[in-house]
Amino acid sequence: MRETVFSGQNRRAGCQGSGTGGIFMANKREDYISWDEYFMGVAILSGQRSKDPNTQVGCCIVSQDNKILSMGYNGLPIGCSDEEFPWNREGDDPLETKYVYTVHSELNAILNYRGGSLEGAKLYVSLFPCNECAKAIIQSGIKEVIYDCNKYKGTPSVSASMRMFDAAGVKYHPYRRTGRKIQIEL
């Protein structure tokens, strides 16, 4: 990643100045991230909040004027301890697997939204939505889904999602990776 250093610059805050109290004139940065990079980055970063040891999925819902409305990640419902419920992918007893307990990132983001309507919003998600999340996406009025990965393509769940999205007029397409790397030190 290219970094330009200015005299007197506060790199962390991005403040630029001459260091002498004078006015510093410069052209705007040309290497800033696009809206798609920004929102998919927020979705991927949100997924890092998941306690699931196998799958971390994040979601970011955005208004038509590019404002973040809500975010979510896959996890247990509020009040259900991450220590007391299973995270297993497989087991003889379905009640000892994660699948009957976890809330997917898309549904979490929809349920966590405390504003008005999500009508016309876009949803950025790191994994293509399952059929259950597709129902919630459609019902909430979201009109576009941008996904990073579709590793379950061809499964009944994803096929059902696509069929419902097509019928309901919800556009969906893969995120186009740019290869840009951004390192964040926390």
N, C-alpha and C. Protein backbone atom coordinates (compact mmCIF):
# COMPACT_ATOMS: atom_id res chain seq x y z
N MET A 1 0.84 -1.17 0.00
CA MET A 1 0.00 0.00 0.00
C MET A 1 0.89 1.24 0.00
N ARG A 2 0.59 2.17 -0.86
CA ARG A 2 1.36 3.40 -0.95
C ARG A 2 1.01 4.33 0.20
N GLU A 3 2.02 4.91 0.81
CA GLU A 3 1.79 5.84 1.92
C GLU A 3 2.57 7.12 1.63
N THR A 4 1.90 8.24 1.72
CA THR A 4 2.53 9.53 1.55
C THR A 4 2.68 10.18 2.91
N VAL A 5 3.86 10.65 3.23
CA VAL A 5 4.11 11.26 4.53
C VAL A 5 4.31 12.76 4.34
N PHE A 6 3.59 13.54 5.12
CA PHE A 6 3.71 15.00 5.08
C PHE A 6 4.38 15.47 6.36
N SER A 7 5.08 16.57 6.28
CA SER A 7 5.68 17.16 7.48
C SER A 7 4.57 17.57 8.44
N GLY A 8 4.66 17.10 9.69
CA GLY A 8 3.65 17.45 10.68
C GLY A 8 2.39 16.62 10.58
N GLN A 9 2.42 15.55 9.81
CA GLN A 9 1.21 14.75 9.61
C GLN A 9 0.94 13.84 10.80
N ASN A 10 -0.29 13.78 11.23
CA ASN A 10 -0.75 12.80 12.21
C ASN A 10 -1.29 11.64 11.40
N ARG A 11 -0.48 10.61 11.18
CA ARG A 11 -0.86 9.50 10.31
C ARG A 11 -2.12 8.80 10.77
N ARG A 12 -2.26 8.55 12.06
CA ARG A 12 -3.42 7.79 12.55
C ARG A 12 -4.71 8.55 12.30
N ALA A 13 -4.73 9.85 12.51
CA ALA A 13 -5.94 10.64 12.32
C ALA A 13 -6.07 11.12 10.88
N GLY A 14 -5.00 11.01 10.11
CA GLY A 14 -5.06 11.45 8.73
C GLY A 14 -4.98 12.96 8.58
N CYS A 15 -4.53 13.65 9.61
CA CYS A 15 -4.44 15.11 9.57
C CYS A 15 -3.22 15.50 8.77
N GLN A 16 -3.40 16.46 7.89
CA GLN A 16 -2.28 16.91 7.06
C GLN A 16 -2.08 18.39 7.28
N GLY A 17 -0.84 18.78 7.37
CA GLY A 17 -0.53 20.20 7.52
C GLY A 17 0.94 20.43 7.26
N SER A 18 1.30 21.67 7.14
CA SER A 18 2.69 22.00 6.85
C SER A 18 3.56 21.92 8.09
N GLY A 19 2.93 21.87 9.27
CA GLY A 19 3.70 21.83 10.49
C GLY A 19 4.11 23.22 10.96
N THR A 20 3.81 24.23 10.17
CA THR A 20 4.19 25.60 10.53
C THR A 20 2.98 26.48 10.77
N GLY A 21 1.80 25.91 10.74
CA GLY A 21 0.59 26.69 10.94
C GLY A 21 0.09 27.32 9.65
N GLY A 22 0.82 27.15 8.56
CA GLY A 22 0.40 27.71 7.28
C GLY A 22 -0.63 26.82 6.60
N ILE A 23 -1.12 27.26 5.50
CA ILE A 23 -2.11 26.49 4.73
C ILE A 23 -1.36 25.57 3.79
N PHE A 24 -1.76 24.32 3.76
CA PHE A 24 -1.12 23.33 2.90
C PHE A 24 -2.09 23.00 1.78
N MET A 25 -1.71 23.23 0.56
CA MET A 25 -2.57 22.95 -0.59
C MET A 25 -2.05 21.69 -1.28
N ALA A 26 -2.95 20.77 -1.54
CA ALA A 26 -2.56 19.55 -2.23
C ALA A 26 -3.75 19.03 -3.02
N ASN A 27 -3.46 18.18 -3.96
CA ASN A 27 -4.53 17.51 -4.68
C ASN A 27 -5.09 16.41 -3.80
N LYS A 28 -6.34 16.04 -4.06
CA LYS A 28 -6.94 14.97 -3.27
C LYS A 28 -6.24 13.65 -3.55
N ARG A 29 -6.33 12.74 -2.60
CA ARG A 29 -5.79 11.39 -2.79
C ARG A 29 -6.52 10.73 -3.94
N GLU A 30 -5.81 9.95 -4.70
CA GLU A 30 -6.41 9.22 -5.81
C GLU A 30 -6.57 7.73 -5.50
N ASP A 31 -5.93 7.27 -4.41
CA ASP A 31 -5.94 5.83 -4.11
C ASP A 31 -6.91 5.47 -2.99
N TYR A 32 -7.95 6.28 -2.79
CA TYR A 32 -8.93 5.97 -1.74
C TYR A 32 -9.78 4.78 -2.17
N ILE A 33 -10.36 4.08 -1.19
CA ILE A 33 -11.14 2.88 -1.50
C ILE A 33 -12.52 3.25 -2.04
N SER A 34 -13.05 2.37 -2.88
CA SER A 34 -14.38 2.57 -3.46
C SER A 34 -15.45 2.26 -2.42
N TRP A 35 -16.70 2.64 -2.70
CA TRP A 35 -17.81 2.30 -1.80
C TRP A 35 -17.91 0.79 -1.65
N ASP A 36 -17.81 0.05 -2.76
CA ASP A 36 -17.91 -1.42 -2.67
C ASP A 36 -16.80 -1.99 -1.79
N GLU A 37 -15.57 -1.51 -1.95
CA GLU A 37 -14.47 -1.98 -1.11
C GLU A 37 -14.73 -1.66 0.36
N TYR A 38 -15.21 -0.47 0.61
CA TYR A 38 -15.49 -0.03 1.97
C TYR A 38 -16.55 -0.91 2.63
N PHE A 39 -17.69 -1.09 1.96
CA PHE A 39 -18.79 -1.83 2.57
C PHE A 39 -18.50 -3.33 2.67
N MET A 40 -17.81 -3.91 1.68
CA MET A 40 -17.45 -5.32 1.81
C MET A 40 -16.39 -5.47 2.90
N GLY A 41 -15.50 -4.51 3.03
CA GLY A 41 -14.52 -4.54 4.11
C GLY A 41 -15.19 -4.51 5.48
N VAL A 42 -16.22 -3.67 5.62
CA VAL A 42 -16.98 -3.61 6.88
C VAL A 42 -17.65 -4.95 7.14
N ALA A 43 -18.22 -5.56 6.09
CA ALA A 43 -18.88 -6.87 6.25
C ALA A 43 -17.87 -7.93 6.71
N ILE A 44 -16.74 -7.98 6.05
CA ILE A 44 -15.72 -8.98 6.39
C ILE A 44 -15.19 -8.74 7.81
N LEU A 45 -14.95 -7.49 8.16
CA LEU A 45 -14.49 -7.17 9.51
C LEU A 45 -15.55 -7.53 10.55
N SER A 46 -16.82 -7.29 10.24
CA SER A 46 -17.91 -7.67 11.16
C SER A 46 -17.91 -9.17 11.41
N GLY A 47 -17.62 -9.95 10.38
CA GLY A 47 -17.57 -11.40 10.53
C GLY A 47 -16.54 -11.86 11.55
N GLN A 48 -15.53 -11.04 11.78
CA GLN A 48 -14.50 -11.40 12.76
C GLN A 48 -15.01 -11.35 14.19
N ARG A 49 -16.23 -10.84 14.41
CA ARG A 49 -16.85 -10.87 15.74
C ARG A 49 -17.46 -12.23 16.05
N SER A 50 -17.63 -13.07 15.04
CA SER A 50 -18.26 -14.38 15.24
C SER A 50 -17.39 -15.28 16.11
N LYS A 51 -18.04 -16.01 17.00
CA LYS A 51 -17.33 -16.97 17.86
C LYS A 51 -17.24 -18.35 17.20
N ASP A 52 -17.91 -18.51 16.06
CA ASP A 52 -17.92 -19.79 15.36
C ASP A 52 -16.50 -20.15 14.93
N PRO A 53 -15.98 -21.31 15.36
CA PRO A 53 -14.59 -21.66 15.03
C PRO A 53 -14.39 -22.05 13.57
N ASN A 54 -15.48 -22.34 12.84
CA ASN A 54 -15.36 -22.80 11.46
C ASN A 54 -15.75 -21.77 10.42
N THR A 55 -16.76 -20.98 10.69
CA THR A 55 -17.32 -20.08 9.69
C THR A 55 -17.56 -18.71 10.29
N GLN A 56 -16.93 -17.70 9.73
CA GLN A 56 -17.15 -16.32 10.17
C GLN A 56 -17.75 -15.55 9.00
N VAL A 57 -19.02 -15.18 9.15
CA VAL A 57 -19.72 -14.46 8.09
C VAL A 57 -20.14 -13.10 8.63
N GLY A 58 -19.91 -12.07 7.83
CA GLY A 58 -20.31 -10.72 8.21
C GLY A 58 -21.19 -10.09 7.15
N CYS A 59 -21.95 -9.09 7.58
CA CYS A 59 -22.93 -8.44 6.71
C CYS A 59 -22.96 -6.94 7.02
N CYS A 60 -23.20 -6.15 5.99
CA CYS A 60 -23.34 -4.70 6.14
C CYS A 60 -24.49 -4.25 5.25
N ILE A 61 -25.51 -3.60 5.84
CA ILE A 61 -26.65 -3.11 5.07
C ILE A 61 -26.47 -1.61 4.88
N VAL A 62 -26.68 -1.15 3.64
CA VAL A 62 -26.37 0.21 3.25
C VAL A 62 -27.57 0.87 2.57
N SER A 63 -27.80 2.14 2.88
CA SER A 63 -28.90 2.88 2.26
C SER A 63 -28.56 3.24 0.81
N GLN A 64 -29.55 3.76 0.11
CA GLN A 64 -29.35 4.15 -1.28
C GLN A 64 -28.35 5.30 -1.42
N ASP A 65 -28.15 6.06 -0.35
CA ASP A 65 -27.17 7.15 -0.40
C ASP A 65 -25.88 6.80 0.35
N ASN A 66 -25.57 5.51 0.39
CA ASN A 66 -24.29 5.01 0.91
C ASN A 66 -24.04 5.30 2.38
N LYS A 67 -25.05 5.15 3.19
CA LYS A 67 -24.92 5.25 4.64
C LYS A 67 -25.11 3.86 5.24
N ILE A 68 -24.26 3.49 6.18
CA ILE A 68 -24.39 2.19 6.84
C ILE A 68 -25.61 2.23 7.75
N LEU A 69 -26.52 1.28 7.54
CA LEU A 69 -27.74 1.18 8.34
C LEU A 69 -27.62 0.16 9.46
N SER A 70 -26.94 -0.96 9.17
CA SER A 70 -26.82 -2.01 10.16
C SER A 70 -25.71 -2.97 9.76
N MET A 71 -25.23 -3.72 10.73
CA MET A 71 -24.22 -4.74 10.49
C MET A 71 -24.59 -5.98 11.29
N GLY A 72 -24.05 -7.11 10.91
CA GLY A 72 -24.31 -8.33 11.66
C GLY A 72 -23.25 -9.38 11.38
N TYR A 73 -23.23 -10.38 12.22
CA TYR A 73 -22.33 -11.53 12.03
C TYR A 73 -23.04 -12.76 12.55
N ASN A 74 -22.57 -13.93 12.15
CA ASN A 74 -23.21 -15.17 12.59
C ASN A 74 -22.86 -15.47 14.04
N GLY A 75 -23.88 -15.76 14.83
CA GLY A 75 -23.67 -16.05 16.24
C GLY A 75 -24.95 -16.47 16.92
N LEU A 76 -24.86 -16.69 18.20
CA LEU A 76 -26.02 -17.12 18.98
C LEU A 76 -26.92 -15.93 19.31
N PRO A 77 -28.20 -16.20 19.57
CA PRO A 77 -29.11 -15.12 19.97
C PRO A 77 -28.65 -14.48 21.28
N ILE A 78 -29.04 -13.24 21.48
CA ILE A 78 -28.73 -12.52 22.71
C ILE A 78 -29.26 -13.33 23.90
N GLY A 79 -28.43 -13.48 24.92
CA GLY A 79 -28.83 -14.22 26.12
C GLY A 79 -28.46 -15.69 26.10
N CYS A 80 -28.01 -16.19 24.96
CA CYS A 80 -27.57 -17.59 24.85
C CYS A 80 -26.04 -17.61 24.91
N SER A 81 -25.51 -18.24 25.93
CA SER A 81 -24.07 -18.22 26.19
C SER A 81 -23.28 -18.95 25.12
N ASP A 82 -22.22 -18.29 24.64
CA ASP A 82 -21.31 -18.91 23.67
C ASP A 82 -20.58 -20.11 24.27
N GLU A 83 -20.55 -20.18 25.60
CA GLU A 83 -19.87 -21.27 26.29
C GLU A 83 -20.79 -22.48 26.49
N GLU A 84 -22.09 -22.27 26.51
CA GLU A 84 -23.03 -23.35 26.84
C GLU A 84 -23.67 -24.02 25.63
N PHE A 85 -23.59 -23.39 24.47
CA PHE A 85 -24.20 -23.98 23.28
C PHE A 85 -23.12 -24.55 22.38
N PRO A 86 -23.44 -25.59 21.60
CA PRO A 86 -22.44 -26.27 20.78
C PRO A 86 -22.04 -25.47 19.54
N TRP A 87 -20.81 -25.67 19.11
CA TRP A 87 -20.31 -25.09 17.87
C TRP A 87 -19.95 -26.19 16.86
N ASN A 88 -20.35 -27.42 17.15
CA ASN A 88 -20.03 -28.55 16.28
C ASN A 88 -20.73 -28.43 14.93
N ARG A 89 -20.05 -28.88 13.88
CA ARG A 89 -20.65 -28.92 12.55
C ARG A 89 -21.41 -30.22 12.33
N GLU A 90 -20.97 -31.26 12.97
CA GLU A 90 -21.58 -32.58 12.78
C GLU A 90 -21.84 -33.23 14.12
N GLY A 91 -22.78 -34.17 14.11
CA GLY A 91 -23.09 -34.92 15.32
C GLY A 91 -24.30 -35.80 15.10
N ASP A 92 -24.41 -36.85 15.91
CA ASP A 92 -25.55 -37.76 15.80
C ASP A 92 -26.85 -37.07 16.20
N ASP A 93 -26.75 -36.16 17.14
CA ASP A 93 -27.92 -35.42 17.63
C ASP A 93 -27.87 -34.00 17.07
N PRO A 94 -28.84 -33.61 16.24
CA PRO A 94 -28.84 -32.25 15.68
C PRO A 94 -28.81 -31.17 16.76
N LEU A 95 -29.31 -31.48 17.95
CA LEU A 95 -29.32 -30.50 19.03
C LEU A 95 -27.92 -30.26 19.61
N GLU A 96 -26.96 -31.07 19.18
CA GLU A 96 -25.57 -30.89 19.61
C GLU A 96 -24.72 -30.30 18.49
N THR A 97 -25.36 -29.70 17.48
CA THR A 97 -24.65 -28.97 16.42
C THR A 97 -25.07 -27.50 16.46
N LYS A 98 -24.29 -26.67 15.83
CA LYS A 98 -24.53 -25.22 15.84
C LYS A 98 -25.74 -24.81 15.01
N TYR A 99 -26.12 -25.62 14.04
CA TYR A 99 -27.08 -25.18 13.02
C TYR A 99 -28.46 -24.82 13.54
N VAL A 100 -28.91 -25.45 14.60
CA VAL A 100 -30.25 -25.15 15.10
C VAL A 100 -30.25 -23.95 16.05
N TYR A 101 -29.09 -23.40 16.34
CA TYR A 101 -28.99 -22.30 17.31
C TYR A 101 -28.50 -20.98 16.74
N THR A 102 -27.63 -21.02 15.74
CA THR A 102 -27.00 -19.78 15.29
C THR A 102 -27.93 -18.93 14.43
N VAL A 103 -27.74 -17.63 14.55
CA VAL A 103 -28.43 -16.64 13.73
C VAL A 103 -27.42 -16.18 12.67
N HIS A 104 -27.80 -16.25 11.40
CA HIS A 104 -26.90 -15.84 10.33
C HIS A 104 -26.70 -14.33 10.33
N SER A 105 -25.60 -13.91 9.74
CA SER A 105 -25.23 -12.49 9.74
C SER A 105 -26.30 -11.59 9.12
N GLU A 106 -26.91 -12.05 8.03
CA GLU A 106 -27.91 -11.24 7.34
C GLU A 106 -29.13 -11.01 8.23
N LEU A 107 -29.60 -12.08 8.86
CA LEU A 107 -30.76 -11.96 9.74
C LEU A 107 -30.42 -11.10 10.96
N ASN A 108 -29.22 -11.28 11.50
CA ASN A 108 -28.78 -10.44 12.63
C ASN A 108 -28.79 -8.97 12.24
N ALA A 109 -28.27 -8.65 11.06
CA ALA A 109 -28.23 -7.25 10.62
C ALA A 109 -29.64 -6.69 10.44
N ILE A 110 -30.54 -7.48 9.87
CA ILE A 110 -31.93 -7.04 9.68
C ILE A 110 -32.60 -6.83 11.03
N LEU A 111 -32.44 -7.80 11.93
CA LEU A 111 -33.08 -7.70 13.25
C LEU A 111 -32.47 -6.60 14.12
N ASN A 112 -31.19 -6.31 13.93
CA ASN A 112 -30.52 -5.29 14.73
C ASN A 112 -30.83 -3.87 14.26
N TYR A 113 -31.41 -3.73 13.07
CA TYR A 113 -31.70 -2.39 12.54
C TYR A 113 -32.79 -1.74 13.37
N ARG A 114 -32.53 -0.55 13.84
CA ARG A 114 -33.47 0.16 14.72
C ARG A 114 -34.08 1.39 14.05
N GLY A 115 -33.80 1.58 12.77
CA GLY A 115 -34.34 2.73 12.06
C GLY A 115 -35.72 2.43 11.49
N GLY A 116 -36.05 3.10 10.42
CA GLY A 116 -37.35 2.90 9.76
C GLY A 116 -37.31 1.69 8.85
N SER A 117 -37.46 1.94 7.58
CA SER A 117 -37.56 0.88 6.59
C SER A 117 -36.19 0.58 5.96
N LEU A 118 -36.01 -0.66 5.55
CA LEU A 118 -34.82 -1.05 4.78
C LEU A 118 -35.13 -1.07 3.28
N GLU A 119 -36.28 -0.56 2.91
CA GLU A 119 -36.73 -0.55 1.51
C GLU A 119 -35.68 0.09 0.61
N GLY A 120 -35.27 -0.66 -0.42
CA GLY A 120 -34.32 -0.15 -1.40
C GLY A 120 -32.87 -0.25 -0.99
N ALA A 121 -32.58 -0.81 0.17
CA ALA A 121 -31.19 -0.89 0.66
C ALA A 121 -30.40 -1.96 -0.09
N LYS A 122 -29.07 -1.90 0.08
CA LYS A 122 -28.16 -2.91 -0.44
C LYS A 122 -27.58 -3.68 0.73
N LEU A 123 -27.29 -4.95 0.51
CA LEU A 123 -26.73 -5.81 1.55
C LEU A 123 -25.41 -6.38 1.03
N TYR A 124 -24.33 -6.12 1.75
CA TYR A 124 -23.02 -6.69 1.45
C TYR A 124 -22.80 -7.83 2.43
N VAL A 125 -22.41 -9.00 1.93
CA VAL A 125 -22.25 -10.16 2.80
C VAL A 125 -21.08 -11.00 2.31
N SER A 126 -20.36 -11.60 3.24
CA SER A 126 -19.18 -12.37 2.86
C SER A 126 -19.51 -13.76 2.32
N LEU A 127 -20.73 -14.26 2.53
CA LEU A 127 -21.15 -15.57 2.02
C LEU A 127 -22.56 -15.46 1.47
N PHE A 128 -22.81 -16.04 0.30
CA PHE A 128 -24.13 -15.93 -0.33
C PHE A 128 -25.22 -16.38 0.64
N PRO A 129 -26.32 -15.64 0.72
CA PRO A 129 -27.38 -15.93 1.70
C PRO A 129 -28.08 -17.28 1.47
N CYS A 130 -28.39 -17.94 2.58
CA CYS A 130 -29.18 -19.17 2.53
C CYS A 130 -30.64 -18.82 2.22
N ASN A 131 -31.46 -19.82 2.01
CA ASN A 131 -32.87 -19.58 1.68
C ASN A 131 -33.63 -18.90 2.82
N GLU A 132 -33.29 -19.19 4.07
CA GLU A 132 -33.99 -18.55 5.19
C GLU A 132 -33.64 -17.06 5.26
N CYS A 133 -32.38 -16.73 5.06
CA CYS A 133 -31.98 -15.32 5.05
C CYS A 133 -32.55 -14.61 3.83
N ALA A 134 -32.62 -15.31 2.70
CA ALA A 134 -33.21 -14.72 1.49
C ALA A 134 -34.64 -14.27 1.74
N LYS A 135 -35.39 -15.07 2.47
CA LYS A 135 -36.78 -14.70 2.80
C LYS A 135 -36.81 -13.39 3.58
N ALA A 136 -35.94 -13.27 4.59
CA ALA A 136 -35.89 -12.06 5.42
C ALA A 136 -35.42 -10.86 4.60
N ILE A 137 -34.46 -11.08 3.71
CA ILE A 137 -33.96 -10.00 2.85
C ILE A 137 -35.09 -9.47 1.98
N ILE A 138 -35.83 -10.37 1.35
CA ILE A 138 -36.94 -9.97 0.49
C ILE A 138 -38.01 -9.25 1.29
N GLN A 139 -38.41 -9.82 2.42
CA GLN A 139 -39.48 -9.24 3.23
C GLN A 139 -39.11 -7.86 3.78
N SER A 140 -37.82 -7.62 4.01
CA SER A 140 -37.40 -6.33 4.57
C SER A 140 -37.32 -5.23 3.51
N GLY A 141 -37.38 -5.59 2.24
CA GLY A 141 -37.35 -4.59 1.18
C GLY A 141 -35.98 -4.33 0.59
N ILE A 142 -34.97 -5.07 1.02
CA ILE A 142 -33.62 -4.93 0.45
C ILE A 142 -33.70 -5.32 -1.02
N LYS A 143 -33.06 -4.53 -1.90
CA LYS A 143 -33.19 -4.73 -3.34
C LYS A 143 -31.93 -5.21 -4.04
N GLU A 144 -30.81 -5.27 -3.32
CA GLU A 144 -29.58 -5.72 -3.96
C GLU A 144 -28.70 -6.43 -2.94
N VAL A 145 -28.10 -7.55 -3.37
CA VAL A 145 -27.20 -8.34 -2.53
C VAL A 145 -25.86 -8.44 -3.25
N ILE A 146 -24.80 -8.03 -2.59
CA ILE A 146 -23.44 -8.16 -3.11
C ILE A 146 -22.73 -9.14 -2.19
N TYR A 147 -22.28 -10.26 -2.73
CA TYR A 147 -21.68 -11.32 -1.92
C TYR A 147 -20.25 -11.56 -2.34
N ASP A 148 -19.42 -12.00 -1.39
CA ASP A 148 -18.01 -12.25 -1.67
C ASP A 148 -17.76 -13.69 -2.10
N CYS A 149 -18.43 -14.63 -1.47
CA CYS A 149 -18.16 -16.05 -1.71
C CYS A 149 -19.48 -16.79 -1.89
N ASN A 150 -19.49 -17.77 -2.78
CA ASN A 150 -20.69 -18.60 -2.97
C ASN A 150 -20.27 -20.07 -2.95
N LYS A 151 -19.67 -20.47 -1.83
CA LYS A 151 -19.12 -21.83 -1.75
C LYS A 151 -20.19 -22.91 -1.73
N TYR A 152 -21.45 -22.54 -1.50
CA TYR A 152 -22.54 -23.53 -1.50
C TYR A 152 -23.38 -23.46 -2.77
N LYS A 153 -22.83 -22.85 -3.82
CA LYS A 153 -23.54 -22.74 -5.10
C LYS A 153 -23.98 -24.13 -5.57
N GLY A 154 -25.22 -24.22 -6.03
CA GLY A 154 -25.75 -25.48 -6.52
C GLY A 154 -26.47 -26.29 -5.46
N THR A 155 -26.35 -25.90 -4.19
CA THR A 155 -27.09 -26.61 -3.14
C THR A 155 -28.55 -26.17 -3.18
N PRO A 156 -29.45 -26.99 -2.65
CA PRO A 156 -30.87 -26.60 -2.64
C PRO A 156 -31.12 -25.25 -1.97
N SER A 157 -30.41 -24.96 -0.88
CA SER A 157 -30.61 -23.71 -0.16
C SER A 157 -30.26 -22.49 -1.03
N VAL A 158 -29.10 -22.52 -1.67
CA VAL A 158 -28.68 -21.40 -2.50
C VAL A 158 -29.53 -21.32 -3.77
N SER A 159 -29.87 -22.45 -4.35
CA SER A 159 -30.74 -22.45 -5.53
C SER A 159 -32.10 -21.83 -5.20
N ALA A 160 -32.63 -22.16 -4.02
CA ALA A 160 -33.90 -21.57 -3.58
C ALA A 160 -33.75 -20.07 -3.37
N SER A 161 -32.63 -19.64 -2.80
CA SER A 161 -32.39 -18.21 -2.60
C SER A 161 -32.41 -17.48 -3.94
N MET A 162 -31.68 -18.01 -4.91
CA MET A 162 -31.62 -17.37 -6.22
C MET A 162 -32.99 -17.32 -6.88
N ARG A 163 -33.74 -18.40 -6.77
CA ARG A 163 -35.08 -18.44 -7.36
C ARG A 163 -35.98 -17.38 -6.73
N MET A 164 -35.93 -17.27 -5.40
CA MET A 164 -36.75 -16.26 -4.72
C MET A 164 -36.29 -14.85 -5.05
N PHE A 165 -34.97 -14.62 -5.08
CA PHE A 165 -34.45 -13.29 -5.43
C PHE A 165 -34.91 -12.90 -6.84
N ASP A 166 -34.80 -13.84 -7.78
CA ASP A 166 -35.23 -13.57 -9.15
C ASP A 166 -36.72 -13.22 -9.21
N ALA A 167 -37.54 -13.99 -8.52
CA ALA A 167 -38.99 -13.77 -8.53
C ALA A 167 -39.36 -12.44 -7.87
N ALA A 168 -38.62 -12.06 -6.83
CA ALA A 168 -38.94 -10.84 -6.08
C ALA A 168 -38.24 -9.59 -6.62
N GLY A 169 -37.40 -9.76 -7.64
CA GLY A 169 -36.71 -8.61 -8.21
C GLY A 169 -35.54 -8.10 -7.39
N VAL A 170 -34.95 -8.98 -6.58
CA VAL A 170 -33.76 -8.61 -5.81
C VAL A 170 -32.54 -8.94 -6.66
N LYS A 171 -31.75 -7.92 -6.99
CA LYS A 171 -30.53 -8.14 -7.76
C LYS A 171 -29.47 -8.76 -6.86
N TYR A 172 -28.65 -9.62 -7.42
CA TYR A 172 -27.53 -10.19 -6.67
C TYR A 172 -26.36 -10.40 -7.62
N HIS A 173 -25.18 -10.15 -7.12
CA HIS A 173 -23.98 -10.34 -7.93
C HIS A 173 -22.77 -10.47 -7.02
N PRO A 174 -21.72 -11.12 -7.53
CA PRO A 174 -20.52 -11.27 -6.71
C PRO A 174 -19.77 -9.94 -6.58
N TYR A 175 -19.14 -9.78 -5.45
CA TYR A 175 -18.23 -8.65 -5.24
C TYR A 175 -17.02 -8.86 -6.14
N ARG A 176 -16.57 -7.80 -6.77
CA ARG A 176 -15.40 -7.89 -7.64
C ARG A 176 -14.17 -7.46 -6.84
N ARG A 177 -13.39 -8.46 -6.45
CA ARG A 177 -12.20 -8.18 -5.65
C ARG A 177 -11.21 -7.34 -6.46
N THR A 178 -10.57 -6.42 -5.77
CA THR A 178 -9.61 -5.52 -6.42
C THR A 178 -8.17 -5.91 -6.15
N GLY A 179 -7.95 -6.79 -5.18
CA GLY A 179 -6.59 -7.16 -4.81
C GLY A 179 -5.94 -6.18 -3.85
N ARG A 180 -6.67 -5.13 -3.50
CA ARG A 180 -6.13 -4.13 -2.57
C ARG A 180 -5.97 -4.77 -1.19
N LYS A 181 -4.86 -4.48 -0.54
CA LYS A 181 -4.63 -4.96 0.82
C LYS A 181 -4.57 -3.75 1.74
N ILE A 182 -5.34 -3.84 2.82
CA ILE A 182 -5.35 -2.78 3.82
C ILE A 182 -5.04 -3.42 5.16
N GLN A 183 -4.01 -2.94 5.82
CA GLN A 183 -3.62 -3.48 7.11
C GLN A 183 -4.10 -2.54 8.20
N ILE A 184 -4.77 -3.10 9.20
CA ILE A 184 -5.27 -2.31 10.32
C ILE A 184 -4.62 -2.81 11.59
N GLU A 185 -3.98 -1.93 12.29
CA GLU A 185 -3.38 -2.29 13.57
C GLU A 185 -4.33 -1.85 14.67
N LEU A 186 -4.79 -2.78 15.48
CA LEU A 186 -5.74 -2.48 16.54
C LEU A 186 -5.09 -2.56 17.91
